[in-house]
Amino acid sequence: MPKARILVAEDERNLRQVLALQLQNAGYEVVEAVDGQAALELAQSATPDLILLDVMMPRLDGYEVCKRLRASFTTRHIPIIMLTARGEEEARITGLEGGANDYIIKPWGKRELELRIKNALEWSRQQRSASPLTGLPGNHSINEELKRRLAAGAPFAMLQIDVDFFKSFNDHYGYTRGDHAIQTLARIILTSAQKHGGGDAFVGHIGGDDFVALTTPERAEVLAEEIIARFNEAVTELYDAEDRERGSIEVPNRLHVNERFPLMSLTIALVSTDRMPVSHLAELIDVAQELKSHGKGIPGSVLVGERRGRGEGDSKDSKVA
């Protein structure tokens, strides 16, 4: 993994050098700016992952630099930590109001500085990979979390959640109502995970109508059944009364011939690493995809999981709700 790049904007030479040395020793790549104008230019050209920005600098002060960075599409996403002198409460408030993410008081403690930088970078990574529609962690965060759990070696369960007949719903009612349906499911998965998933539960949005939930093996089925029950209860309200009463919608195909589609349902593939030992991310995803394909052939909302581990005769266990 490449080193995170940090822009240090500090006009006092000794402080700037101390900061640069400390950050380099902590494993970061450092770019230095001697004043506010240089900081602004380097933020555009060097694309840092984080900016340490002193408040009092020549040419442009830290407030103005922060304001301009937040106004630009290319730099507005970069986390900014302001450097302020002790007792300058108004300066810290002004910086936060101007878009800074955090602040460090000079003279700073080594451990505090490194923790604040680490937290800001992690927040930034999560924001960049989050789904703009649901706010849930996206593909990058999902893959990192799966790799972390596989590396840790403790058994866990993955639920891969997919909406059946979402495309026909989206084609019939339009993207706005399609987005609302996805957001409804996201809330159901999240609240269900908070209720049944345990303290280490994780929920992510792969994209479109695909989601992932991670929990412990013993909680997985209860969580999946809760998601299915709540979705089945909520889904009818997403349809117009006439379609809801008929239990289907009609959507023209490519030949402009109307086809009838049932109301949306869920297919949930459950892969539990205590039943199905896996050591690689791609292997885990392949198993989930195979289970999901099997579940798609079963009418209604369904939970599909492996009944026993490899070497014992693979068998799929399906539960229809």
C-alpha atoms as a PDB file:
ATOM      1  CA  MET A   1       0.000   0.000   0.000  1.00  0.00           C
ATOM      2  CA  PRO A   2       1.469   3.426  -0.956  1.00  0.00           C
ATOM      3  CA  LYS A   3       2.357   5.867   1.788  1.00  0.00           C
ATOM      4  CA  ALA A   4      -0.185   8.552   2.628  1.00  0.00           C
ATOM      5  CA  ARG A   5       1.064  11.967   1.515  1.00  0.00           C
ATOM      6  CA  ILE A   6       0.799  14.844   4.002  1.00  0.00           C
ATOM      7  CA  LEU A   7       1.208  18.514   3.118  1.00  0.00           C
ATOM      8  CA  VAL A   8       2.765  20.469   6.004  1.00  0.00           C
ATOM      9  CA  ALA A   9       2.058  24.203   5.668  1.00  0.00           C
ATOM     10  CA  GLU A  10       4.067  26.032   8.347  1.00  0.00           C
ATOM     11  CA  ASP A  11       6.109  29.211   7.877  1.00  0.00           C
ATOM     12  CA  GLU A  12       8.377  28.662  10.912  1.00  0.00           C
ATOM     13  CA  ARG A  13      11.282  26.653   9.515  1.00  0.00           C
ATOM     14  CA  ASN A  14      12.185  24.753  12.697  1.00  0.00           C
ATOM     15  CA  LEU A  15       8.584  23.692  13.404  1.00  0.00           C
ATOM     16  CA  ARG A  16       8.097  22.631   9.800  1.00  0.00           C
ATOM     17  CA  GLN A  17      11.239  20.497   9.855  1.00  0.00           C
ATOM     18  CA  VAL A  18      10.298  18.872  13.175  1.00  0.00           C
ATOM     19  CA  LEU A  19       6.831  18.050  11.832  1.00  0.00           C
ATOM     20  CA  ALA A  20       8.246  16.669   8.589  1.00  0.00           C
ATOM     21  CA  LEU A  21      10.753  14.454  10.415  1.00  0.00           C
ATOM     22  CA  GLN A  22       8.156  13.148  12.848  1.00  0.00           C
ATOM     23  CA  LEU A  23       5.716  12.293  10.055  1.00  0.00           C
ATOM     24  CA  GLN A  24       8.388  10.644   7.900  1.00  0.00           C
ATOM     25  CA  ASN A  25       9.408   8.494  10.863  1.00  0.00           C
ATOM     26  CA  ALA A  26       5.733   7.529  11.251  1.00  0.00           C
ATOM     27  CA  GLY A  27       5.707   6.232   7.668  1.00  0.00           C
ATOM     28  CA  TYR A  28       4.195   9.175   5.783  1.00  0.00           C
ATOM     29  CA  GLU A  29       5.388  10.976   2.676  1.00  0.00           C
ATOM     30  CA  VAL A  30       5.748  14.696   3.393  1.00  0.00           C
ATOM     31  CA  VAL A  31       5.414  17.758   1.169  1.00  0.00           C
ATOM     32  CA  GLU A  32       6.342  21.135   2.687  1.00  0.00           C
ATOM     33  CA  ALA A  33       4.885  24.601   2.083  1.00  0.00           C
ATOM     34  CA  VAL A  34       6.488  27.757   3.533  1.00  0.00           C
ATOM     35  CA  ASP A  35       3.409  29.993   3.280  1.00  0.00           C
ATOM     36  CA  GLY A  36      -0.301  29.988   2.494  1.00  0.00           C
ATOM     37  CA  GLN A  37       0.016  30.614  -1.229  1.00  0.00           C
ATOM     38  CA  ALA A  38       2.498  27.759  -1.605  1.00  0.00           C
ATOM     39  CA  ALA A  39       0.154  25.525   0.400  1.00  0.00           C
ATOM     40  CA  LEU A  40      -2.719  26.313  -1.940  1.00  0.00           C
ATOM     41  CA  GLU A  41      -0.635  25.596  -5.038  1.00  0.00           C
ATOM     42  CA  LEU A  42       0.819  22.353  -3.642  1.00  0.00           C
ATOM     43  CA  ALA A  43      -2.625  21.145  -2.587  1.00  0.00           C
ATOM     44  CA  GLN A  44      -3.640  21.405  -6.250  1.00  0.00           C
ATOM     45  CA  SER A  45      -0.491  19.888  -7.771  1.00  0.00           C
ATOM     46  CA  ALA A  46       0.725  17.328  -5.214  1.00  0.00           C
ATOM     47  CA  THR A  47      -2.737  15.885  -4.338  1.00  0.00           C
ATOM     48  CA  PRO A  48      -1.996  15.226  -0.651  1.00  0.00           C
ATOM     49  CA  ASP A  49      -4.100  12.837   1.412  1.00  0.00           C
ATOM     50  CA  LEU A  50      -4.135  15.276   4.358  1.00  0.00           C
ATOM     51  CA  ILE A  51      -3.061  18.861   5.062  1.00  0.00           C
ATOM     52  CA  LEU A  52      -1.538  20.213   8.292  1.00  0.00           C
ATOM     53  CA  LEU A  53      -2.284  23.916   8.028  1.00  0.00           C
ATOM     54  CA  ASP A  54      -0.851  26.620  10.284  1.00  0.00           C
ATOM     55  CA  VAL A  55      -3.224  29.489  11.063  1.00  0.00           C
ATOM     56  CA  MET A  56      -0.758  32.401  10.932  1.00  0.00           C
ATOM     57  CA  MET A  57       1.223  32.412   7.678  1.00  0.00           C
ATOM     58  CA  PRO A  58       2.403  35.075   5.212  1.00  0.00           C
ATOM     59  CA  ARG A  59       0.771  35.757   1.818  1.00  0.00           C
ATOM     60  CA  LEU A  60      -2.397  33.826   2.741  1.00  0.00           C
ATOM     61  CA  ASP A  61      -3.376  32.864   6.284  1.00  0.00           C
ATOM     62  CA  GLY A  62      -4.655  29.410   7.151  1.00  0.00           C
ATOM     63  CA  TYR A  63      -8.298  30.500   7.228  1.00  0.00           C
ATOM     64  CA  GLU A  64      -8.192  31.788   3.661  1.00  0.00           C
ATOM     65  CA  VAL A  65      -6.318  28.713   2.436  1.00  0.00           C
ATOM     66  CA  CYS A  66      -8.905  26.452   4.081  1.00  0.00           C
ATOM     67  CA  LYS A  67     -11.744  28.466   2.561  1.00  0.00           C
ATOM     68  CA  ARG A  68     -10.275  28.223  -0.950  1.00  0.00           C
ATOM     69  CA  LEU A  69      -9.504  24.519  -0.614  1.00  0.00           C
ATOM     70  CA  ARG A  70     -13.098  23.824   0.375  1.00  0.00           C
ATOM     71  CA  ALA A  71     -14.383  25.900  -2.543  1.00  0.00           C
ATOM     72  CA  SER A  72     -12.481  23.828  -5.124  1.00  0.00           C
ATOM     73  CA  PHE A  73     -13.867  20.544  -6.413  1.00  0.00           C
ATOM     74  CA  THR A  74     -10.372  19.028  -6.664  1.00  0.00           C
ATOM     75  CA  THR A  75      -9.406  19.736  -3.023  1.00  0.00           C
ATOM     76  CA  ARG A  76     -12.645  19.945  -1.043  1.00  0.00           C
ATOM     77  CA  HIS A  77     -12.387  16.272  -0.025  1.00  0.00           C
ATOM     78  CA  ILE A  78      -8.903  16.559   1.550  1.00  0.00           C
ATOM     79  CA  PRO A  79      -8.994  16.465   5.381  1.00  0.00           C
ATOM     80  CA  ILE A  80      -7.462  19.554   7.007  1.00  0.00           C
ATOM     81  CA  ILE A  81      -5.971  19.754  10.498  1.00  0.00           C
ATOM     82  CA  MET A  82      -5.290  23.315  11.672  1.00  0.00           C
ATOM     83  CA  LEU A  83      -2.212  24.161  13.756  1.00  0.00           C
ATOM     84  CA  THR A  84      -2.994  26.779  16.425  1.00  0.00           C
ATOM     85  CA  ALA A  85      -1.223  28.246  19.458  1.00  0.00           C
ATOM     86  CA  ARG A  86      -2.407  27.344  22.943  1.00  0.00           C
ATOM     87  CA  GLY A  87      -5.258  29.536  24.152  1.00  0.00           C
ATOM     88  CA  GLU A  88      -6.402  30.604  20.683  1.00  0.00           C
ATOM     89  CA  GLU A  89      -9.931  29.269  21.131  1.00  0.00           C
ATOM     90  CA  GLU A  90     -11.428  31.737  18.685  1.00  0.00           C
ATOM     91  CA  ALA A  91      -8.873  30.688  16.080  1.00  0.00           C
ATOM     92  CA  ARG A  92      -9.851  27.043  16.461  1.00  0.00           C
ATOM     93  CA  ILE A  93     -13.559  27.836  16.182  1.00  0.00           C
ATOM     94  CA  THR A  94     -12.959  29.992  13.098  1.00  0.00           C
ATOM     95  CA  GLY A  95     -10.955  27.200  11.485  1.00  0.00           C
ATOM     96  CA  LEU A  96     -13.639  24.593  12.179  1.00  0.00           C
ATOM     97  CA  GLU A  97     -16.338  26.916  10.863  1.00  0.00           C
ATOM     98  CA  GLY A  98     -14.253  27.385   7.704  1.00  0.00           C
ATOM     99  CA  GLY A  99     -14.218  23.665   6.962  1.00  0.00           C
ATOM    100  CA  ALA A 100     -11.261  22.286   8.923  1.00  0.00           C
ATOM    101  CA  ASN A 101     -11.762  18.741  10.187  1.00  0.00           C
ATOM    102  CA  ASP A 102      -9.671  19.035  13.345  1.00  0.00           C
ATOM    103  CA  TYR A 103      -6.990  21.111  15.057  1.00  0.00           C
ATOM    104  CA  ILE A 104      -3.739  20.576  16.944  1.00  0.00           C
ATOM    105  CA  ILE A 105      -2.487  22.947  19.628  1.00  0.00           C
ATOM    106  CA  LYS A 106       1.190  23.965  19.510  1.00  0.00           C
ATOM    107  CA  PRO A 107       3.349  22.660  21.077  1.00  0.00           C
ATOM    108  CA  TRP A 108       1.826  19.319  20.126  1.00  0.00           C
ATOM    109  CA  GLY A 109       2.250  15.888  21.670  1.00  0.00           C
ATOM    110  CA  LYS A 110       3.741  13.282  19.312  1.00  0.00           C
ATOM    111  CA  ARG A 111       1.172  10.584  20.097  1.00  0.00           C
ATOM    112  CA  GLU A 112      -1.814  12.947  19.888  1.00  0.00           C
ATOM    113  CA  LEU A 113      -0.691  14.312  16.534  1.00  0.00           C
ATOM    114  CA  GLU A 114      -0.211  10.864  15.024  1.00  0.00           C
ATOM    115  CA  LEU A 115      -3.601   9.649  16.321  1.00  0.00           C
ATOM    116  CA  ARG A 116      -5.427  12.704  14.974  1.00  0.00           C
ATOM    117  CA  ILE A 117      -3.774  12.233  11.589  1.00  0.00           C
ATOM    118  CA  LYS A 118      -4.585   8.510  11.568  1.00  0.00           C
ATOM    119  CA  ASN A 119      -8.247   9.178  12.450  1.00  0.00           C
ATOM    120  CA  ALA A 120      -8.588  11.915   9.827  1.00  0.00           C
ATOM    121  CA  LEU A 121      -7.098   9.703   7.108  1.00  0.00           C
ATOM    122  CA  GLU A 122      -9.382   6.809   8.041  1.00  0.00           C
ATOM    123  CA  TRP A 123     -12.417   9.114   7.996  1.00  0.00           C
ATOM    124  CA  SER A 124     -11.350  10.375   4.572  1.00  0.00           C
ATOM    125  CA  ARG A 125     -10.943   6.852   3.169  1.00  0.00           C
ATOM    126  CA  GLN A 126     -14.391   5.897   4.405  1.00  0.00           C
ATOM    127  CA  GLN A 127     -15.966   9.030   2.941  1.00  0.00           C
ATOM    128  CA  ARG A 128     -14.370   8.483  -0.464  1.00  0.00           C
ATOM    129  CA  SER A 129     -15.604   4.914  -0.680  1.00  0.00           C
ATOM    130  CA  ALA A 130     -19.057   5.485   0.797  1.00  0.00           C
ATOM    131  CA  SER A 131     -22.119   5.081  -1.386  1.00  0.00           C
ATOM    132  CA  PRO A 132     -23.501   8.535  -2.229  1.00  0.00           C
ATOM    133  CA  LEU A 133     -27.028   7.091  -2.249  1.00  0.00           C
ATOM    134  CA  THR A 134     -27.048   5.309   1.125  1.00  0.00           C
ATOM    135  CA  GLY A 135     -23.997   6.680   2.937  1.00  0.00           C
ATOM    136  CA  LEU A 136     -22.917   3.108   3.698  1.00  0.00           C
ATOM    137  CA  PRO A 137     -19.329   1.926   3.121  1.00  0.00           C
ATOM    138  CA  GLY A 138     -18.691   1.091  -0.520  1.00  0.00           C
ATOM    139  CA  ASN A 139     -16.669  -1.558  -2.338  1.00  0.00           C
ATOM    140  CA  HIS A 140     -13.229  -0.481  -1.132  1.00  0.00           C
ATOM    141  CA  SER A 141     -14.259  -0.471   2.530  1.00  0.00           C
ATOM    142  CA  ILE A 142     -16.145  -3.768   2.127  1.00  0.00           C
ATOM    143  CA  ASN A 143     -13.108  -5.500   0.615  1.00  0.00           C
ATOM    144  CA  GLU A 144     -10.785  -4.111   3.291  1.00  0.00           C
ATOM    145  CA  GLU A 145     -13.115  -5.288   6.053  1.00  0.00           C
ATOM    146  CA  LEU A 146     -13.394  -8.770   4.506  1.00  0.00           C
ATOM    147  CA  LYS A 147      -9.608  -9.015   4.142  1.00  0.00           C
ATOM    148  CA  ARG A 148      -9.173  -7.920   7.756  1.00  0.00           C
ATOM    149  CA  ARG A 149     -11.580 -10.582   9.022  1.00  0.00           C
ATOM    150  CA  LEU A 150     -10.048 -13.305   6.863  1.00  0.00           C
ATOM    151  CA  ALA A 151      -6.569 -12.383   8.099  1.00  0.00           C
ATOM    152  CA  ALA A 152      -7.730 -12.400  11.742  1.00  0.00           C
ATOM    153  CA  GLY A 153      -8.821 -16.016  11.369  1.00  0.00           C
ATOM    154  CA  ALA A 154     -11.876 -15.833  13.647  1.00  0.00           C
ATOM    155  CA  PRO A 155     -15.047 -17.349  12.094  1.00  0.00           C
ATOM    156  CA  PHE A 156     -17.526 -14.843  10.653  1.00  0.00           C
ATOM    157  CA  ALA A 157     -20.573 -14.889   8.420  1.00  0.00           C
ATOM    158  CA  MET A 158     -21.231 -12.838   5.294  1.00  0.00           C
ATOM    159  CA  LEU A 159     -24.713 -12.069   4.043  1.00  0.00           C
ATOM    160  CA  GLN A 160     -24.833 -10.979   0.406  1.00  0.00           C
ATOM    161  CA  ILE A 161     -28.209  -9.318  -0.114  1.00  0.00           C
ATOM    162  CA  ASP A 162     -29.743  -8.764  -3.551  1.00  0.00           C
ATOM    163  CA  VAL A 163     -33.140  -7.390  -4.615  1.00  0.00           C
ATOM    164  CA  ASP A 164     -35.109  -9.531  -7.063  1.00  0.00           C
ATOM    165  CA  PHE A 165     -37.019  -7.675  -9.813  1.00  0.00           C
ATOM    166  CA  PHE A 166     -35.543  -4.294  -8.881  1.00  0.00           C
ATOM    167  CA  LYS A 167     -34.849  -3.431 -12.526  1.00  0.00           C
ATOM    168  CA  SER A 168     -38.495  -3.864 -13.493  1.00  0.00           C
ATOM    169  CA  PHE A 169     -39.531  -1.674 -10.531  1.00  0.00           C
ATOM    170  CA  ASN A 170     -36.982   0.984 -11.539  1.00  0.00           C
ATOM    171  CA  ASP A 171     -38.075   0.886 -15.193  1.00  0.00           C
ATOM    172  CA  HIS A 172     -41.750   1.128 -14.241  1.00  0.00           C
ATOM    173  CA  TYR A 173     -41.608   3.860 -11.583  1.00  0.00           C
ATOM    174  CA  GLY A 174     -38.418   5.757 -12.455  1.00  0.00           C
ATOM    175  CA  TYR A 175     -35.074   6.413 -10.789  1.00  0.00           C
ATOM    176  CA  THR A 176     -36.374   8.588  -7.953  1.00  0.00           C
ATOM    177  CA  ARG A 177     -38.620   5.853  -6.607  1.00  0.00           C
ATOM    178  CA  GLY A 178     -35.922   3.294  -7.355  1.00  0.00           C
ATOM    179  CA  ASP A 179     -33.503   5.272  -5.175  1.00  0.00           C
ATOM    180  CA  HIS A 180     -36.128   5.433  -2.437  1.00  0.00           C
ATOM    181  CA  ALA A 181     -36.493   1.633  -2.566  1.00  0.00           C
ATOM    182  CA  ILE A 182     -32.725   1.168  -2.205  1.00  0.00           C
ATOM    183  CA  GLN A 183     -32.592   3.629   0.699  1.00  0.00           C
ATOM    184  CA  THR A 184     -35.480   1.794   2.364  1.00  0.00           C
ATOM    185  CA  LEU A 185     -33.610  -1.499   2.157  1.00  0.00           C
ATOM    186  CA  ALA A 186     -30.393   0.144   3.418  1.00  0.00           C
ATOM    187  CA  ARG A 187     -32.210   1.402   6.537  1.00  0.00           C
ATOM    188  CA  ILE A 188     -33.734  -2.047   7.124  1.00  0.00           C
ATOM    189  CA  ILE A 189     -30.356  -3.780   6.873  1.00  0.00           C
ATOM    190  CA  LEU A 190     -28.649  -1.218   9.099  1.00  0.00           C
ATOM    191  CA  THR A 191     -31.269  -1.216  11.857  1.00  0.00           C
ATOM    192  CA  SER A 192     -31.527  -5.022  11.721  1.00  0.00           C
ATOM    193  CA  ALA A 193     -27.742  -5.306  12.060  1.00  0.00           C
ATOM    194  CA  GLN A 194     -27.785  -2.932  15.014  1.00  0.00           C
ATOM    195  CA  LYS A 195     -30.457  -5.084  16.644  1.00  0.00           C
ATOM    196  CA  HIS A 196     -29.196  -8.582  15.836  1.00  0.00           C
ATOM    197  CA  GLY A 197     -25.678  -8.293  14.407  1.00  0.00           C
ATOM    198  CA  GLY A 198     -23.681  -7.760  17.582  1.00  0.00           C
ATOM    199  CA  GLY A 199     -21.095  -5.097  18.326  1.00  0.00           C
ATOM    200  CA  ASP A 200     -18.785  -6.046  15.465  1.00  0.00           C
ATOM    201  CA  ALA A 201     -21.462  -6.102  12.748  1.00  0.00           C
ATOM    202  CA  PHE A 202     -20.634  -4.387   9.453  1.00  0.00           C
ATOM    203  CA  VAL A 203     -22.986  -3.236   6.683  1.00  0.00           C
ATOM    204  CA  GLY A 204     -21.855  -2.131   3.233  1.00  0.00           C
ATOM    205  CA  HIS A 205     -23.430  -1.127  -0.094  1.00  0.00           C
ATOM    206  CA  ILE A 206     -21.767  -2.893  -3.028  1.00  0.00           C
ATOM    207  CA  GLY A 207     -23.778  -0.776  -5.457  1.00  0.00           C
ATOM    208  CA  GLY A 208     -27.188  -0.769  -7.119  1.00  0.00           C
ATOM    209  CA  ASP A 209     -29.410  -3.247  -5.288  1.00  0.00           C
ATOM    210  CA  ASP A 210     -26.543  -5.299  -3.769  1.00  0.00           C
ATOM    211  CA  PHE A 211     -25.567  -5.100  -0.092  1.00  0.00           C
ATOM    212  CA  VAL A 212     -23.305  -6.961   2.326  1.00  0.00           C
ATOM    213  CA  ALA A 213     -23.691  -7.560   6.057  1.00  0.00           C
ATOM    214  CA  LEU A 214     -21.027  -9.204   8.229  1.00  0.00           C
ATOM    215  CA  THR A 215     -21.664 -10.704  11.640  1.00  0.00           C
ATOM    216  CA  THR A 216     -20.838 -13.761  13.750  1.00  0.00           C
ATOM    217  CA  PRO A 217     -21.905 -17.209  12.487  1.00  0.00           C
ATOM    218  CA  GLU A 218     -24.391 -17.711  15.320  1.00  0.00           C
ATOM    219  CA  ARG A 219     -26.183 -14.409  14.609  1.00  0.00           C
ATOM    220  CA  ALA A 220     -26.307 -14.638  10.815  1.00  0.00           C
ATOM    221  CA  GLU A 221     -29.562 -16.541  10.252  1.00  0.00           C
ATOM    222  CA  VAL A 222     -31.517 -14.444  12.759  1.00  0.00           C
ATOM    223  CA  LEU A 223     -30.189 -11.278  11.126  1.00  0.00           C
ATOM    224  CA  ALA A 224     -31.058 -12.497   7.607  1.00  0.00           C
ATOM    225  CA  GLU A 225     -34.564 -13.535   8.652  1.00  0.00           C
ATOM    226  CA  GLU A 226     -35.136 -10.130  10.275  1.00  0.00           C
ATOM    227  CA  ILE A 227     -34.045  -8.339   7.089  1.00  0.00           C
ATOM    228  CA  ILE A 228     -36.346 -10.503   4.954  1.00  0.00           C
ATOM    229  CA  ALA A 229     -39.327 -10.076   7.285  1.00  0.00           C
ATOM    230  CA  ARG A 230     -38.951  -6.298   7.471  1.00  0.00           C
ATOM    231  CA  PHE A 231     -38.408  -5.937   3.728  1.00  0.00           C
ATOM    232  CA  ASN A 232     -41.423  -8.102   2.893  1.00  0.00           C
ATOM    233  CA  GLU A 233     -43.476  -5.898   5.194  1.00  0.00           C
ATOM    234  CA  ALA A 234     -42.167  -2.632   3.751  1.00  0.00           C
ATOM    235  CA  VAL A 235     -41.995  -3.507   0.053  1.00  0.00           C
ATOM    236  CA  THR A 236     -45.714  -3.324  -0.711  1.00  0.00           C
ATOM    237  CA  GLU A 237     -45.777   0.342   0.332  1.00  0.00           C
ATOM    238  CA  LEU A 238     -43.298   1.109  -2.440  1.00  0.00           C
ATOM    239  CA  TYR A 239     -45.899   0.204  -5.097  1.00  0.00           C
ATOM    240  CA  ASP A 240     -49.007   2.026  -6.255  1.00  0.00           C
ATOM    241  CA  ALA A 241     -52.266   0.640  -4.846  1.00  0.00           C
ATOM    242  CA  GLU A 242     -53.353  -0.935  -8.133  1.00  0.00           C
ATOM    243  CA  ASP A 243     -50.044  -2.776  -8.614  1.00  0.00           C
ATOM    244  CA  ARG A 244     -49.967  -3.740  -4.947  1.00  0.00           C
ATOM    245  CA  GLU A 245     -53.432  -5.327  -5.147  1.00  0.00           C
ATOM    246  CA  ARG A 246     -52.574  -7.162  -8.364  1.00  0.00           C
ATOM    247  CA  GLY A 247     -49.234  -8.308  -6.919  1.00  0.00           C
ATOM    248  CA  SER A 248     -47.327  -7.472 -10.089  1.00  0.00           C
ATOM    249  CA  ILE A 249     -46.365  -4.738 -12.552  1.00  0.00           C
ATOM    250  CA  GLU A 250     -46.227  -4.655 -16.341  1.00  0.00           C
ATOM    251  CA  VAL A 251     -43.075  -3.349 -18.019  1.00  0.00           C
ATOM    252  CA  PRO A 252     -42.390  -3.163 -21.799  1.00  0.00           C
ATOM    253  CA  ASN A 253     -39.429  -5.257 -22.954  1.00  0.00           C
ATOM    254  CA  ARG A 254     -37.034  -4.360 -25.778  1.00  0.00           C
ATOM    255  CA  LEU A 255     -39.644  -5.471 -28.305  1.00  0.00           C
ATOM    256  CA  HIS A 256     -42.164  -3.106 -26.655  1.00  0.00           C
ATOM    257  CA  VAL A 257     -44.234  -6.046 -25.492  1.00  0.00           C
ATOM    258  CA  ASN A 258     -45.510  -5.819 -21.918  1.00  0.00           C
ATOM    259  CA  GLU A 259     -44.101  -8.381 -19.497  1.00  0.00           C
ATOM    260  CA  ARG A 260     -45.503  -9.021 -16.036  1.00  0.00           C
ATOM    261  CA  PHE A 261     -43.136  -9.041 -13.049  1.00  0.00           C
ATOM    262  CA  PRO A 262     -43.893  -9.900  -9.406  1.00  0.00           C
ATOM    263  CA  LEU A 263     -43.262  -7.509  -6.523  1.00  0.00           C
ATOM    264  CA  MET A 264     -39.689  -7.173  -5.341  1.00  0.00           C
ATOM    265  CA  SER A 265     -38.245  -9.800  -3.012  1.00  0.00           C
ATOM    266  CA  LEU A 266     -34.824 -10.568  -1.531  1.00  0.00           C
ATOM    267  CA  THR A 267     -32.247 -13.244  -2.186  1.00  0.00           C
ATOM    268  CA  ILE A 268     -29.723 -13.523   0.656  1.00  0.00           C
ATOM    269  CA  ALA A 269     -26.661 -15.757   0.290  1.00  0.00           C
ATOM    270  CA  LEU A 270     -25.120 -16.751   3.625  1.00  0.00           C
ATOM    271  CA  VAL A 271     -21.478 -17.841   3.731  1.00  0.00           C
ATOM    272  CA  SER A 272     -20.214 -18.767   7.179  1.00  0.00           C
ATOM    273  CA  THR A 273     -16.488 -19.455   7.470  1.00  0.00           C
ATOM    274  CA  ASP A 274     -17.026 -22.011  10.221  1.00  0.00           C
ATOM    275  CA  ARG A 275     -19.095 -24.133   7.789  1.00  0.00           C
ATOM    276  CA  MET A 276     -17.247 -23.173   4.608  1.00  0.00           C
ATOM    277  CA  PRO A 277     -13.542 -22.529   5.381  1.00  0.00           C
ATOM    278  CA  VAL A 278     -12.116 -19.916   3.002  1.00  0.00           C
ATOM    279  CA  SER A 279      -8.765 -18.159   3.028  1.00  0.00           C
ATOM    280  CA  HIS A 280      -9.045 -15.685   0.145  1.00  0.00           C
ATOM    281  CA  LEU A 281     -11.437 -12.859  -0.672  1.00  0.00           C
ATOM    282  CA  ALA A 282     -12.092 -14.072  -4.224  1.00  0.00           C
ATOM    283  CA  GLU A 283     -12.963 -17.536  -2.937  1.00  0.00           C
ATOM    284  CA  LEU A 284     -15.461 -16.081  -0.463  1.00  0.00           C
ATOM    285  CA  ILE A 285     -17.140 -13.990  -3.163  1.00  0.00           C
ATOM    286  CA  ASP A 286     -17.297 -16.958  -5.573  1.00  0.00           C
ATOM    287  CA  VAL A 287     -19.099 -19.074  -2.976  1.00  0.00           C
ATOM    288  CA  ALA A 288     -21.564 -16.247  -2.266  1.00  0.00           C
ATOM    289  CA  GLN A 289     -22.247 -15.742  -5.976  1.00  0.00           C
ATOM    290  CA  GLU A 290     -22.944 -19.441  -6.473  1.00  0.00           C
ATOM    291  CA  LEU A 291     -25.371 -19.472  -3.560  1.00  0.00           C
ATOM    292  CA  LYS A 292     -27.079 -16.313  -4.788  1.00  0.00           C
ATOM    293  CA  SER A 293     -27.547 -17.800  -8.267  1.00  0.00           C
ATOM    294  CA  HIS A 294     -29.203 -20.823  -6.680  1.00  0.00           C
ATOM    295  CA  GLY A 295     -31.496 -18.600  -4.602  1.00  0.00           C
ATOM    296  CA  LYS A 296     -32.559 -16.550  -7.623  1.00  0.00           C
ATOM    297  CA  GLY A 297     -34.323 -19.592  -8.988  1.00  0.00           C
ATOM    298  CA  ILE A 298     -36.623 -19.826  -5.961  1.00  0.00           C
ATOM    299  CA  PRO A 299     -39.777 -17.635  -5.910  1.00  0.00           C
ATOM    300  CA  GLY A 300     -40.171 -15.086  -3.113  1.00  0.00           C
ATOM    301  CA  SER A 301     -37.643 -13.901  -0.549  1.00  0.00           C
ATOM    302  CA  VAL A 302     -35.111 -16.586   0.289  1.00  0.00           C
ATOM    303  CA  LEU A 303     -32.078 -17.227   2.459  1.00  0.00           C
ATOM    304  CA  VAL A 304     -29.576 -19.678   0.974  1.00  0.00           C
ATOM    305  CA  GLY A 305     -26.542 -21.070   2.805  1.00  0.00           C
ATOM    306  CA  GLU A 306     -24.171 -24.018   2.772  1.00  0.00           C
ATOM    307  CA  ARG A 307     -25.396 -26.854   4.970  1.00  0.00           C
ATOM    308  CA  ARG A 308     -21.961 -28.369   5.574  1.00  0.00           C
ATOM    309  CA  GLY A 309     -18.312 -27.679   4.855  1.00  0.00           C
ATOM    310  CA  ARG A 310     -16.267 -28.788   1.880  1.00  0.00           C
ATOM    311  CA  GLY A 311     -15.110 -32.348   1.848  1.00  0.00           C
ATOM    312  CA  GLU A 312     -18.375 -33.485   3.433  1.00  0.00           C
ATOM    313  CA  GLY A 313     -20.458 -33.232   0.280  1.00  0.00           C
ATOM    314  CA  ASP A 314     -21.589 -29.723  -0.599  1.00  0.00           C
ATOM    315  CA  SER A 315     -25.280 -29.087  -0.045  1.00  0.00           C
ATOM    316  CA  LYS A 316     -27.289 -25.901  -0.152  1.00  0.00           C
ATOM    317  CA  ASP A 317     -29.741 -25.096   2.621  1.00  0.00           C
ATOM    318  CA  SER A 318     -32.560 -22.820   1.436  1.00  0.00           C
ATOM    319  CA  LYS A 319     -35.098 -21.044   3.593  1.00  0.00           C
ATOM    320  CA  VAL A 320     -37.993 -19.268   1.921  1.00  0.00           C
ATOM    321  CA  ALA A 321     -39.759 -16.500   3.814  1.00  0.00           C
END
